[in-house]
Amino acid sequence: MIRFPTLSTLLAAVFGTLATQPALAEEFKRPIPAAQSATVEMWFALATLAFAASLVLVQWLVSRR
């Protein structure tokens, strides 16, 4: 006996085939880096000094036995 596919089976096959097709996307464009302002440079320098000071403080606290 030959069974003919139902409508739901046909739709599942069609959508399943379409879902597995590769997606077409445009080419990746690298972002152009922007220059940093003086304010950003100042905060970065401050954060760098604070980080270095915290490393020195942790080393001092750990070495005190």
Protein backbone atom coordinates (compact mmCIF):
# COMPACT_ATOMS: atom_id res chain seq x y z
CA MET A 1 0.00 0.00 0.00
CA ILE A 2 1.38 3.40 -0.97
CA ARG A 3 0.87 6.21 1.53
CA PHE A 4 0.85 9.72 0.18
CA PRO A 5 2.44 12.37 2.36
CA THR A 6 0.10 14.64 4.23
CA LEU A 7 0.22 18.40 4.03
CA SER A 8 1.93 18.71 7.40
CA THR A 9 4.64 16.26 6.29
CA LEU A 10 5.23 18.23 3.10
CA LEU A 11 5.40 21.53 4.99
CA ALA A 12 7.81 20.06 7.52
CA ALA A 13 10.03 18.81 4.70
CA VAL A 14 10.00 22.17 2.90
CA PHE A 15 10.66 24.25 6.02
CA GLY A 16 13.25 21.76 7.26
CA THR A 17 15.09 22.05 3.96
CA LEU A 18 14.93 25.85 3.99
CA ALA A 19 16.10 26.04 7.60
CA THR A 20 19.25 24.07 6.81
CA GLN A 21 20.32 26.25 3.89
CA PRO A 22 23.35 28.50 4.50
CA ALA A 23 22.53 32.06 5.41
CA LEU A 24 23.76 34.78 3.10
CA ALA A 25 25.44 37.64 4.92
CA GLU A 26 27.49 40.60 3.86
CA GLU A 27 31.23 40.68 4.24
CA PHE A 28 32.68 41.59 7.66
CA LYS A 29 33.99 45.14 7.77
CA ARG A 30 36.62 45.89 10.39
CA PRO A 31 35.73 48.78 12.69
CA ILE A 32 37.94 51.83 12.47
CA PRO A 33 39.32 52.66 15.93
CA ALA A 34 38.63 56.15 17.16
CA ALA A 35 41.18 58.34 18.87
CA GLN A 36 40.89 58.59 22.64
CA SER A 37 40.33 61.89 24.37
CA ALA A 38 42.59 63.41 27.00
CA THR A 39 39.99 62.67 29.68
CA VAL A 40 40.03 58.97 28.82
CA GLU A 41 43.83 58.96 28.90
CA MET A 42 43.80 60.62 32.33
CA TRP A 43 41.33 58.06 33.78
CA PHE A 44 43.34 55.20 32.28
CA ALA A 45 46.53 56.53 33.90
CA LEU A 46 44.72 56.91 37.23
CA ALA A 47 43.34 53.36 37.03
CA THR A 48 46.79 52.03 36.15
CA LEU A 49 48.34 53.72 39.18
CA ALA A 50 45.55 52.47 41.45
CA PHE A 51 46.02 48.92 40.15
CA ALA A 52 49.78 49.06 40.69
CA ALA A 53 49.27 50.45 44.21
CA SER A 54 46.82 47.66 45.03
CA LEU A 55 49.32 45.04 43.84
CA VAL A 56 52.01 46.56 46.08
CA LEU A 57 49.59 46.66 49.02
CA VAL A 58 48.57 43.03 48.55
CA GLN A 59 52.21 41.97 48.34
CA TRP A 60 52.97 43.89 51.56
CA LEU A 61 49.97 42.35 53.36
CA VAL A 62 50.81 38.82 52.24
CA SER A 63 54.47 39.05 53.14
CA ARG A 64 53.72 40.12 56.76
CA ARG A 65 53.58 36.88 58.69
